[in-house]
């Protein structure tokens, strides 16, 4: 889309999200893999590497790494490796006071040098971190002593403590190394509640409890990330006892509802789906106004009902599960007649085959879906039928490899349960790190910039309302729905907080994993 470096980052992200493993844990006994009361086997997607500074979507990161800050049950920012921080508003300088006595899994001392090393690595464009936009305001980093570090920003950014939840990396193991491909990222050392034990590539990743964890030793001794081929396989392996915990689709969840041997954790997310348009493609450069018609063509209620089985809500923007959502903004809701009117107002005429055309060109486009996500494919199928109903020859295709620069549109998934700046500024801001569609709108840029520069809640609400209105006026995506998730367990797990709103792909359930306990019978 924007550049080859962006394309490389997207491919790496999707590889981390969608590749799969096949691991045999239990033999033929049918007993639970965690039947010894001290092991939990989790159904996971695969990882090509474990690198919190470069890749955003690693569920496993929460177990191995800590940030200076963390999150609580309500997704509020709380101290972690930093005991506290101060802000000098006159100089836009954050000072973090670090915990003393914290050690890396190899026994080395954690210090402020590790923090500086990590943020420097993220900010280095050669490392192609997908989260570099979060730190673009950092002007100067000063290590004052082993346990005190300053970050001076170019401009105010009230979301900065949120971005210091990123997992910190050990300088003593990575200084001078390749931050994309070093072998460390296949055997990572962190400060988190679990230590890396083994990686059977394409099969499983084994973690063991960090008995010296600064926050107290975890109760569960071993957690195995077993990588499973697809959603259906996860459900089958839960039934067979090969998995103890997994996230499965709403349709598969139906098979567990009346079985007392399983516990279902129904959890809300900020994880939305929709059509991301490639604005570098001439189709949208010449016909951008048609996106308003597409927004009126899609039946979001039908998607929630038929694909999510009611486990989600219609989506019209990226902040519906955020405190700064503005329900008063009038959205482009399902209205097929209005969709046709918008198309015709833009000079298109309905052909005898029921498809609009102009200057000899049929109105149509293709939505690309990444292989391995049945929910996205099902949503795309409904969207294409909705669009055909209003005279648009829309198709979808499922691919294992994505031509990011050549495609017309993609079935996107995004969303964050944290500060409203997260997954807005870097996703919709012009030329930001996660703006994979090349979307650009001056009003959006201005509103998002002003929103991050004030800590006055009323002012932030004003700017986020302006942002949401600008997205209606000049849509970046056609939003579909928020996908809530079901985690299923065949062991009694105490400690999972069902009221915590999870993030993209349901990531976040492990936020307090050190406090979980297994009560195997």
Protein backbone atom coordinates (compact mmCIF):
# COMPACT_ATOMS: atom_id res chain seq x y z
CA UNK A 1 0.00 0.00 0.00
CA UNK A 2 2.23 2.82 1.20
CA UNK A 3 5.66 1.27 0.88
CA UNK A 4 7.54 -1.99 0.86
CA UNK A 5 8.50 -1.50 4.52
CA UNK A 6 4.84 -1.17 5.49
CA UNK A 7 4.08 -4.28 3.45
CA UNK A 8 6.81 -6.23 5.25
CA UNK A 9 5.41 -5.19 8.63
CA UNK A 10 1.88 -6.22 7.71
CA UNK A 11 3.03 -9.61 6.46
CA UNK A 12 4.95 -10.15 9.71
CA UNK A 13 1.89 -9.19 11.77
CA UNK A 14 -0.40 -11.55 9.91
CA UNK A 15 2.10 -14.36 10.10
CA UNK A 16 2.16 -13.92 13.87
CA UNK A 17 -1.64 -13.89 14.00
CA UNK A 18 -2.71 -16.65 11.66
CA UNK A 19 -0.12 -19.42 11.24
CA UNK A 20 -0.94 -22.55 13.18
CA UNK A 21 0.56 -25.50 15.09
CA UNK A 22 -0.39 -29.12 15.60
CA UNK A 23 0.82 -30.46 18.95
CA UNK A 24 -0.06 -33.79 20.58
CA UNK A 25 -0.17 -33.43 24.34
CA UNK A 26 -2.37 -36.07 25.87
CA UNK A 27 -2.02 -39.31 23.97
CA UNK A 28 -5.17 -41.41 23.74
CA UNK A 29 -6.24 -41.36 27.35
CA UNK A 30 -8.71 -38.53 26.86
CA UNK A 31 -7.56 -36.98 30.12
CA UNK A 32 -7.11 -33.23 30.36
CA UNK A 33 -3.65 -31.95 29.51
CA UNK A 34 -3.78 -29.97 32.76
CA UNK A 35 -4.99 -32.90 34.81
CA UNK A 36 -2.00 -32.71 37.17
CA UNK A 37 -3.38 -29.48 38.54
CA UNK A 38 -0.28 -27.50 37.67
CA UNK A 39 -0.28 -27.30 33.85
CA UNK A 40 -2.55 -25.30 31.57
CA UNK A 41 -2.65 -25.99 27.83
CA UNK A 42 -3.90 -23.01 25.84
CA UNK A 43 -5.07 -23.12 22.23
CA UNK A 44 -3.02 -20.45 20.50
CA UNK A 45 -2.26 -19.07 17.08
CA UNK A 46 1.34 -19.47 15.95
CA UNK A 47 4.27 -17.14 16.36
CA UNK A 48 7.14 -16.56 13.99
CA UNK A 49 8.94 -14.70 16.81
CA UNK A 50 8.17 -13.17 20.21
CA UNK A 51 9.06 -9.49 20.03
CA UNK A 52 6.93 -6.91 21.86
CA UNK A 53 8.96 -3.99 20.50
CA UNK A 54 8.15 -4.82 16.89
CA UNK A 55 4.92 -6.87 16.87
CA UNK A 56 1.78 -5.70 18.61
CA UNK A 57 -0.45 -8.76 18.63
CA UNK A 58 1.37 -11.29 20.77
CA UNK A 59 -0.89 -12.68 23.50
CA UNK A 60 2.15 -14.46 24.89
CA UNK A 61 3.90 -11.12 25.52
CA UNK A 62 1.84 -10.54 28.67
CA UNK A 63 3.31 -13.66 30.26
CA UNK A 64 6.98 -13.16 29.42
CA UNK A 65 7.41 -9.38 29.55
CA UNK A 66 6.48 -6.45 31.76
CA UNK A 67 6.16 -2.79 30.88
CA UNK A 68 6.90 0.16 33.09
CA UNK A 69 3.15 0.39 33.41
CA UNK A 70 0.45 -2.28 33.24
CA UNK A 71 -3.34 -2.55 33.18
CA UNK A 72 -5.89 -3.53 35.77
CA UNK A 73 -9.26 -5.25 35.38
CA UNK A 74 -10.82 -2.02 34.07
CA UNK A 75 -7.98 -1.47 31.56
CA UNK A 76 -6.72 1.47 33.57
CA UNK A 77 -2.99 2.19 33.56
CA UNK A 78 -1.30 1.09 36.80
CA UNK A 79 2.34 0.76 37.97
CA UNK A 80 4.36 -2.29 36.95
CA UNK A 81 8.14 -2.11 36.50
CA UNK A 82 7.79 1.55 37.41
CA UNK A 83 6.49 2.23 40.90
CA UNK A 84 5.38 5.73 39.90
CA UNK A 85 5.87 8.56 37.43
CA UNK A 86 5.81 12.36 37.46
CA UNK A 87 4.97 14.83 34.69
CA UNK A 88 6.60 18.25 34.32
CA UNK A 89 3.99 19.95 32.14
CA UNK A 90 6.24 22.93 31.44
CA UNK A 91 8.77 20.74 29.60
CA UNK A 92 6.49 17.81 28.68
CA UNK A 93 8.83 15.51 30.61
CA UNK A 94 7.73 12.21 32.15
CA UNK A 95 9.96 10.85 34.89
CA UNK A 96 9.55 7.16 35.75
CA UNK A 97 10.78 5.77 39.06
CA UNK A 98 11.62 2.09 38.59
CA UNK A 99 11.34 -0.82 41.00
CA UNK A 100 14.61 -1.91 42.53
CA UNK A 101 15.60 -5.54 42.83
CA UNK A 102 13.83 -6.73 39.66
CA UNK A 103 15.83 -9.30 37.69
CA UNK A 104 15.62 -10.70 34.20
CA UNK A 105 14.88 -14.39 33.83
CA UNK A 106 18.63 -15.01 33.45
CA UNK A 107 19.34 -13.32 36.80
CA UNK A 108 20.73 -10.03 35.48
CA UNK A 109 19.46 -6.82 37.07
CA UNK A 110 16.76 -4.79 35.33
CA UNK A 111 17.70 -1.08 35.05
CA UNK A 112 16.75 2.12 33.29
CA UNK A 113 19.29 1.31 30.56
CA UNK A 114 16.99 -1.51 29.44
CA UNK A 115 14.09 0.92 29.18
CA UNK A 116 16.04 3.40 27.07
CA UNK A 117 17.35 0.60 24.86
CA UNK A 118 13.82 -0.69 24.20
CA UNK A 119 12.25 2.66 23.30
CA UNK A 120 15.27 3.62 21.19
CA UNK A 121 14.85 0.34 19.30
CA UNK A 122 11.17 1.02 18.66
CA UNK A 123 11.91 4.55 17.45
CA UNK A 124 14.71 3.43 15.11
CA UNK A 125 13.14 3.36 11.61
CA UNK A 126 15.54 0.62 10.53
CA UNK A 127 13.76 -1.75 12.93
CA UNK A 128 10.36 -1.16 11.27
CA UNK A 129 8.36 -1.39 14.48
CA UNK A 130 4.63 -1.30 13.87
CA UNK A 131 4.15 0.74 17.05
CA UNK A 132 6.72 3.47 16.40
CA UNK A 133 3.98 6.11 16.01
CA UNK A 134 3.22 5.75 19.73
CA UNK A 135 6.62 7.24 20.53
CA UNK A 136 7.01 9.82 17.77
CA UNK A 137 6.76 12.67 20.30
CA UNK A 138 9.80 11.47 22.26
CA UNK A 139 12.52 14.07 21.80
CA UNK A 140 15.03 13.01 24.43
CA UNK A 141 15.54 10.06 26.78
CA UNK A 142 17.76 10.59 29.81
CA UNK A 143 18.85 7.84 32.20
CA UNK A 144 19.34 9.73 35.46
CA UNK A 145 20.40 6.64 37.42
CA UNK A 146 19.72 2.90 37.39
CA UNK A 147 16.15 3.42 38.57
CA UNK A 148 15.15 6.83 37.19
CA UNK A 149 14.52 7.72 33.56
CA UNK A 150 13.18 10.87 31.85
CA UNK A 151 11.24 11.09 28.58
CA UNK A 152 11.02 14.60 27.19
CA UNK A 153 8.30 14.96 24.55
CA UNK A 154 8.05 17.47 21.73
CA UNK A 155 4.40 18.09 22.53
CA UNK A 156 1.94 17.05 25.22
CA UNK A 157 0.69 13.47 24.96
CA UNK A 158 -1.60 12.29 27.75
CA UNK A 159 -1.58 8.77 26.33
CA UNK A 160 2.17 8.36 26.90
CA UNK A 161 1.83 6.38 30.17
CA UNK A 162 -0.42 3.99 28.20
CA UNK A 163 2.36 3.40 25.71
CA UNK A 164 4.79 2.61 28.49
CA UNK A 165 2.92 -0.65 29.05
CA UNK A 166 5.01 -2.07 26.20
CA UNK A 167 7.19 -5.01 27.22
CA UNK A 168 10.76 -4.00 28.05
CA UNK A 169 13.65 -5.88 26.42
CA UNK A 170 17.07 -6.71 27.95
CA UNK A 171 19.86 -4.51 26.64
CA UNK A 172 22.54 -6.96 27.77
CA UNK A 173 21.20 -9.62 25.40
CA UNK A 174 20.18 -7.48 22.42
CA UNK A 175 22.56 -4.55 22.20
CA UNK A 176 23.89 -4.46 18.64
CA UNK A 177 21.69 -7.34 17.51
CA UNK A 178 19.18 -7.47 14.63
CA UNK A 179 15.82 -6.50 16.13
CA UNK A 180 13.91 -8.36 13.44
CA UNK A 181 15.68 -11.69 13.26
CA UNK A 182 18.00 -12.30 16.22
CA UNK A 183 17.68 -15.75 17.76
CA UNK A 184 16.74 -14.11 21.06
CA UNK A 185 13.21 -13.70 19.70
CA UNK A 186 12.90 -17.50 19.52
CA UNK A 187 14.05 -17.89 23.13
CA UNK A 188 13.14 -14.62 24.83
CA UNK A 189 14.22 -13.52 28.30
CA UNK A 190 11.91 -11.12 30.11
CA UNK A 191 10.99 -9.98 33.60
CA UNK A 192 7.41 -11.31 33.47
CA UNK A 193 5.60 -13.93 35.56
CA UNK A 194 6.53 -16.75 33.16
CA UNK A 195 9.86 -17.83 31.73
CA UNK A 196 10.44 -19.24 28.28
CA UNK A 197 11.20 -22.96 28.52
CA UNK A 198 11.00 -24.50 25.02
CA UNK A 199 9.77 -23.89 21.48
CA UNK A 200 8.87 -26.87 19.34
CA UNK A 201 8.49 -24.91 16.13
CA UNK A 202 5.14 -25.35 14.50
CA UNK A 203 4.00 -27.33 17.53
CA UNK A 204 4.10 -25.56 20.92
CA UNK A 205 5.72 -22.99 23.18
CA UNK A 206 6.23 -23.97 26.82
CA UNK A 207 6.48 -21.46 29.67
CA UNK A 208 7.25 -22.12 33.32
CA UNK A 209 6.49 -20.02 36.38
CA UNK A 210 9.03 -17.37 37.35
CA UNK A 211 9.52 -18.20 41.02
CA UNK A 212 11.46 -14.96 41.51
CA UNK A 213 8.82 -12.72 39.95
CA UNK A 214 8.76 -9.29 41.57
CA UNK A 215 4.96 -9.44 41.83
CA UNK A 216 4.93 -12.87 43.48
CA UNK A 217 5.30 -16.34 42.00
CA UNK A 218 2.42 -17.52 39.77
CA UNK A 219 0.19 -20.35 40.99
CA UNK A 220 0.13 -22.29 37.71
CA UNK A 221 3.49 -23.97 37.21
CA UNK A 222 3.46 -24.54 33.45
CA UNK A 223 1.55 -22.97 30.59
CA UNK A 224 1.80 -24.53 27.15
CA UNK A 225 0.79 -22.45 24.13
CA UNK A 226 -0.37 -25.24 21.85
CA UNK A 227 -0.86 -23.93 18.36
CA UNK A 228 -4.00 -25.27 16.73
CA UNK A 229 -4.85 -25.41 13.01
CA UNK A 230 -8.18 -23.60 12.99
CA UNK A 231 -11.18 -22.58 15.06
CA UNK A 232 -13.00 -25.87 14.54
CA UNK A 233 -9.93 -27.80 15.65
CA UNK A 234 -9.78 -25.79 18.86
CA UNK A 235 -13.33 -26.80 19.71
CA UNK A 236 -12.64 -30.47 18.98
CA UNK A 237 -9.47 -30.47 21.09
CA UNK A 238 -11.30 -28.89 24.00
CA UNK A 239 -13.79 -31.74 23.85
CA UNK A 240 -11.04 -34.35 23.65
CA UNK A 241 -9.08 -32.82 26.54
CA UNK A 242 -6.04 -31.88 24.44
CA UNK A 243 -6.67 -28.24 25.33
CA UNK A 244 -7.71 -26.71 28.64
CA UNK A 245 -8.51 -23.20 27.44
CA UNK A 246 -9.23 -21.69 24.04
CA UNK A 247 -11.13 -18.94 22.32
CA UNK A 248 -13.66 -20.40 19.88
CA UNK A 249 -16.31 -19.05 17.51
CA UNK A 250 -19.91 -18.33 18.54
CA UNK A 251 -21.12 -21.25 16.40
CA UNK A 252 -18.76 -23.72 18.06
CA UNK A 253 -19.69 -22.36 21.48
CA UNK A 254 -23.23 -23.65 21.01
CA UNK A 255 -21.92 -27.22 21.42
CA UNK A 256 -20.65 -26.46 24.94
CA UNK A 257 -23.57 -24.56 26.44
CA UNK A 258 -25.31 -27.53 28.06
CA UNK A 259 -22.18 -29.42 29.09
CA UNK A 260 -21.38 -28.96 32.78
CA UNK A 261 -17.83 -30.19 32.22
CA UNK A 262 -16.97 -26.90 30.52
CA UNK A 263 -16.96 -23.30 31.64
CA UNK A 264 -17.80 -20.58 29.13
CA UNK A 265 -16.36 -17.12 29.69
CA UNK A 266 -18.38 -14.58 27.69
CA UNK A 267 -16.22 -11.48 27.23
CA UNK A 268 -16.75 -8.17 25.48
CA UNK A 269 -14.08 -6.75 23.20
CA UNK A 270 -13.17 -3.54 21.44
CA UNK A 271 -12.35 -5.69 18.39
CA UNK A 272 -14.19 -4.50 15.28
CA UNK A 273 -14.42 -5.74 11.69
CA UNK A 274 -14.98 -3.83 8.48
CA UNK A 275 -13.82 -3.07 4.97
CA UNK A 276 -10.48 -1.26 4.72
CA UNK A 277 -10.11 0.45 1.36
CA UNK A 278 -6.75 0.82 -0.36
CA UNK A 279 -6.74 4.54 -1.10
CA UNK A 280 -3.65 4.15 -3.25
CA UNK A 281 -5.85 2.21 -5.67
CA UNK A 282 -7.25 4.35 -8.54
CA UNK A 283 -10.72 2.88 -7.92
CA UNK A 284 -11.03 4.79 -4.64
CA UNK A 285 -9.04 7.81 -5.71
CA UNK A 286 -11.67 8.35 -8.42
CA UNK A 287 -14.75 7.07 -6.54
CA UNK A 288 -14.19 7.77 -2.85
CA UNK A 289 -17.71 9.20 -2.43
CA UNK A 290 -19.16 5.75 -3.13
CA UNK A 291 -17.99 4.56 0.29
CA UNK A 292 -20.92 6.52 1.74
CA UNK A 293 -23.21 4.31 -0.32
CA UNK A 294 -21.46 1.15 0.85
CA UNK A 295 -21.88 2.27 4.46
CA UNK A 296 -25.64 2.42 3.86
CA UNK A 297 -25.69 -0.90 2.02
CA UNK A 298 -24.35 -3.25 4.72
CA UNK A 299 -26.80 -4.84 7.15
CA UNK A 300 -24.84 -4.80 10.41
CA UNK A 301 -27.69 -6.23 12.48
CA UNK A 302 -27.83 -9.25 10.19
CA UNK A 303 -24.10 -9.77 10.59
CA UNK A 304 -24.32 -9.71 14.38
CA UNK A 305 -27.31 -12.06 14.36
CA UNK A 306 -26.20 -14.62 11.78
CA UNK A 307 -22.40 -14.68 12.08
CA UNK A 308 -21.82 -13.67 15.70
CA UNK A 309 -25.08 -15.27 16.95
CA UNK A 310 -25.81 -12.07 18.83
CA UNK A 311 -22.43 -11.96 20.57
CA UNK A 312 -21.38 -8.48 19.52
CA UNK A 313 -22.80 -5.14 18.47
CA UNK A 314 -23.06 -3.21 15.18
CA UNK A 315 -20.04 -0.96 14.52
CA UNK A 316 -20.03 2.51 13.01
CA UNK A 317 -16.63 3.64 14.23
CA UNK A 318 -13.58 2.67 16.29
CA UNK A 319 -14.64 3.99 19.72
CA UNK A 320 -17.95 2.26 20.53
CA UNK A 321 -16.40 0.46 23.51
CA UNK A 322 -14.48 3.53 24.68
CA UNK A 323 -15.45 6.19 27.21
CA UNK A 324 -15.14 8.87 24.50
CA UNK A 325 -17.67 7.35 22.14
CA UNK A 326 -20.30 9.89 21.04
CA UNK A 327 -23.70 8.28 20.48
CA UNK A 328 -25.20 11.58 19.34
CA UNK A 329 -23.36 11.55 16.01
CA UNK A 330 -25.67 10.46 13.20
CA UNK A 331 -24.23 7.42 11.46
CA UNK A 332 -24.75 6.06 7.95
CA UNK A 333 -27.02 3.18 8.92
CA UNK A 334 -28.53 0.40 6.81
CA UNK A 335 -30.61 2.03 4.06
CA UNK A 336 -30.43 0.29 0.65
CA UNK A 337 -32.50 2.97 -1.09
CA UNK A 338 -30.16 5.70 0.14
CA UNK A 339 -27.19 3.63 -1.02
CA UNK A 340 -28.62 3.48 -4.55
CA UNK A 341 -29.34 7.21 -4.52
CA UNK A 342 -25.74 8.04 -3.58
CA UNK A 343 -24.43 5.83 -6.36
CA UNK A 344 -26.73 7.46 -8.91
CA UNK A 345 -25.86 10.95 -7.68
CA UNK A 346 -22.26 10.12 -8.57
CA UNK A 347 -23.14 9.45 -12.21
CA UNK A 348 -23.71 5.70 -12.26
CA UNK A 349 -26.59 4.11 -14.19
CA UNK A 350 -28.18 0.75 -13.36
CA UNK A 351 -27.50 -1.74 -16.12
CA UNK A 352 -29.79 -4.49 -17.39
CA UNK A 353 -27.84 -7.02 -15.32
CA UNK A 354 -28.62 -5.14 -12.10
CA UNK A 355 -25.09 -3.71 -11.74
CA UNK A 356 -24.35 0.00 -11.95
CA UNK A 357 -22.03 1.23 -14.68
CA UNK A 358 -20.42 4.46 -15.84
CA UNK A 359 -18.31 5.21 -18.91
CA UNK A 360 -18.33 1.53 -19.81
CA UNK A 361 -17.07 0.46 -16.38
CA UNK A 362 -19.04 -1.87 -14.12
CA UNK A 363 -19.19 -0.86 -10.47
CA UNK A 364 -17.48 -3.59 -8.48
CA UNK A 365 -14.54 -4.47 -6.29
CA UNK A 366 -13.01 -7.38 -4.41
CA UNK A 367 -12.61 -7.71 -0.64
CA UNK A 368 -9.59 -9.80 0.34
CA UNK A 369 -9.74 -12.00 3.45
CA UNK A 370 -6.75 -13.64 5.08
CA UNK A 371 -6.90 -17.42 5.19
CA UNK A 372 -7.71 -18.98 8.57
CA UNK A 373 -10.49 -16.71 9.85
CA UNK A 374 -13.94 -18.10 9.09
CA UNK A 375 -15.75 -15.26 10.84
CA UNK A 376 -14.19 -12.70 8.51
CA UNK A 377 -15.08 -14.77 5.47
CA UNK A 378 -18.68 -15.10 6.66
CA UNK A 379 -18.91 -11.35 7.26
CA UNK A 380 -17.48 -10.66 3.81
CA UNK A 381 -20.06 -12.97 2.23
CA UNK A 382 -22.92 -11.02 3.80
CA UNK A 383 -21.38 -7.69 2.82
CA UNK A 384 -20.98 -8.79 -0.79
CA UNK A 385 -24.59 -9.92 -0.96
CA UNK A 386 -25.72 -6.60 0.57
CA UNK A 387 -23.69 -4.70 -2.00
CA UNK A 388 -25.03 -6.77 -4.90
CA UNK A 389 -28.53 -5.97 -3.68
CA UNK A 390 -27.81 -2.28 -4.37
CA UNK A 391 -26.12 -2.84 -7.73
CA UNK A 392 -22.46 -3.31 -6.79
CA UNK A 393 -20.62 -6.33 -8.17
CA UNK A 394 -18.75 -7.06 -4.95
CA UNK A 395 -16.78 -10.27 -4.44
CA UNK A 396 -14.57 -11.63 -1.72
CA UNK A 397 -11.55 -13.88 -1.93
CA UNK A 398 -9.68 -15.80 0.75
CA UNK A 399 -5.92 -15.82 0.29
CA UNK A 400 -2.95 -17.23 2.15
CA UNK A 401 -0.73 -14.45 0.80
CA UNK A 402 -1.89 -10.86 0.47
CA UNK A 403 -0.90 -8.41 -2.28
CA UNK A 404 -1.16 -5.38 -0.02
CA UNK A 405 -0.24 -2.82 -2.65
CA UNK A 406 -2.37 -4.35 -5.39
CA UNK A 407 -5.59 -5.24 -3.60
CA UNK A 408 -8.69 -3.06 -3.69
CA UNK A 409 -9.98 -3.71 -0.17
CA UNK A 410 -9.32 -5.90 2.85
CA UNK A 411 -11.55 -7.34 5.59
CA UNK A 412 -9.84 -5.55 8.47
CA UNK A 413 -9.86 -6.27 12.18
CA UNK A 414 -8.68 -3.66 14.67
CA UNK A 415 -9.51 -2.19 18.04
CA UNK A 416 -8.11 -1.31 21.46
CA UNK A 417 -9.73 -1.30 24.92
CA UNK A 418 -7.26 1.25 26.26
CA UNK A 419 -6.79 5.01 25.88
CA UNK A 420 -8.75 6.42 22.93
CA UNK A 421 -5.48 7.53 21.33
CA UNK A 422 -4.51 3.89 20.90
CA UNK A 423 -5.61 2.46 17.53
CA UNK A 424 -6.91 5.83 16.35
CA UNK A 425 -3.93 8.20 16.01
CA UNK A 426 -1.66 5.55 14.51
CA UNK A 427 -4.40 3.88 12.42
CA UNK A 428 -6.18 6.89 10.88
CA UNK A 429 -3.54 9.63 11.13
CA UNK A 430 -1.85 10.55 7.86
CA UNK A 431 1.26 8.42 7.26
CA UNK A 432 1.18 6.86 10.74
CA UNK A 433 2.55 3.42 11.48
CA UNK A 434 -0.67 1.39 11.30
CA UNK A 435 -2.39 3.41 8.58
CA UNK A 436 -2.21 0.59 6.06
CA UNK A 437 -4.92 2.07 3.82
CA UNK A 438 -3.16 5.38 3.05
CA UNK A 439 -6.18 7.21 4.44
CA UNK A 440 -5.70 10.94 4.98
CA UNK A 441 -8.10 13.57 6.28
CA UNK A 442 -7.02 16.94 7.67
CA UNK A 443 -9.94 17.17 10.11
CA UNK A 444 -9.17 13.70 11.48
CA UNK A 445 -5.49 14.57 11.91
CA UNK A 446 -6.31 17.80 13.71
CA UNK A 447 -8.86 16.29 16.08
CA UNK A 448 -6.67 13.32 17.02
CA UNK A 449 -3.64 15.54 17.62
CA UNK A 450 -5.59 17.94 19.85
CA UNK A 451 -7.18 15.04 21.77
CA UNK A 452 -3.80 13.62 22.79
CA UNK A 453 -2.51 17.02 23.85
CA UNK A 454 -5.01 17.76 26.63
CA UNK A 455 -5.70 15.95 29.89
CA UNK A 456 -8.99 17.81 30.35
CA UNK A 457 -11.64 15.13 29.93
CA UNK A 458 -14.27 17.49 28.56
CA UNK A 459 -11.81 18.85 26.01
CA UNK A 460 -10.80 15.35 24.97
CA UNK A 461 -14.45 14.44 24.51
CA UNK A 462 -14.91 17.48 22.27
CA UNK A 463 -12.01 16.50 20.05
CA UNK A 464 -12.94 12.81 19.89
CA UNK A 465 -16.47 13.84 18.93
CA UNK A 466 -14.95 15.95 16.14
CA UNK A 467 -12.88 12.95 15.09
CA UNK A 468 -15.92 10.69 14.94
CA UNK A 469 -17.89 13.25 12.92
CA UNK A 470 -14.97 13.66 10.51
CA UNK A 471 -14.92 9.88 10.02
CA UNK A 472 -18.61 10.01 9.07
CA UNK A 473 -17.98 12.86 6.65
CA UNK A 474 -14.94 11.18 5.11
CA UNK A 475 -15.08 7.45 5.99
CA UNK A 476 -11.87 5.45 6.22
CA UNK A 477 -13.61 2.08 6.55
CA UNK A 478 -17.02 0.55 6.23
CA UNK A 479 -17.42 -0.69 9.79
CA UNK A 480 -19.40 -3.90 10.38
CA UNK A 481 -19.49 -5.05 13.99
CA UNK A 482 -17.65 -5.59 17.26
CA UNK A 483 -16.91 -9.26 17.83
CA UNK A 484 -17.28 -10.38 21.42
CA UNK A 485 -15.50 -13.61 22.30
CA UNK A 486 -16.02 -16.86 24.14
CA UNK A 487 -13.22 -18.59 26.00
CA UNK A 488 -13.98 -22.20 26.91
CA UNK A 489 -12.24 -24.16 29.65
CA UNK A 490 -12.45 -27.81 30.66
CA UNK A 491 -10.71 -27.08 33.96
CA UNK A 492 -12.04 -24.88 36.77
CA UNK A 493 -9.86 -21.76 36.42
CA UNK A 494 -10.18 -19.15 39.12
CA UNK A 495 -9.04 -15.60 38.38
CA UNK A 496 -10.34 -14.90 34.86
CA UNK A 497 -12.10 -11.52 34.94
CA UNK A 498 -15.12 -11.73 32.64
CA UNK A 499 -15.89 -8.01 32.90
CA UNK A 500 -12.55 -6.97 31.43
CA UNK A 501 -12.99 -5.66 27.88
CA UNK A 502 -10.48 -7.42 25.65
CA UNK A 503 -8.62 -6.10 22.62
CA UNK A 504 -7.93 -7.08 19.03
CA UNK A 505 -8.46 -10.84 18.51
CA UNK A 506 -9.61 -11.07 22.12
CA UNK A 507 -6.10 -10.39 23.41
CA UNK A 508 -5.88 -9.46 27.07
CA UNK A 509 -7.38 -12.36 29.01
CA UNK A 510 -3.93 -13.09 30.50
CA UNK A 511 -3.56 -9.64 32.09
CA UNK A 512 -3.58 -11.19 35.62
CA UNK A 513 -2.42 -14.71 34.79
CA UNK A 514 -0.09 -14.89 37.79
CA UNK A 515 -3.18 -14.86 40.02
CA UNK A 516 -4.97 -17.69 38.21
CA UNK A 517 -5.34 -21.04 39.93
CA UNK A 518 -6.32 -24.45 38.59
CA UNK A 519 -8.67 -26.59 40.61
CA UNK A 520 -8.42 -29.86 38.72
CA UNK A 521 -10.51 -32.68 40.13
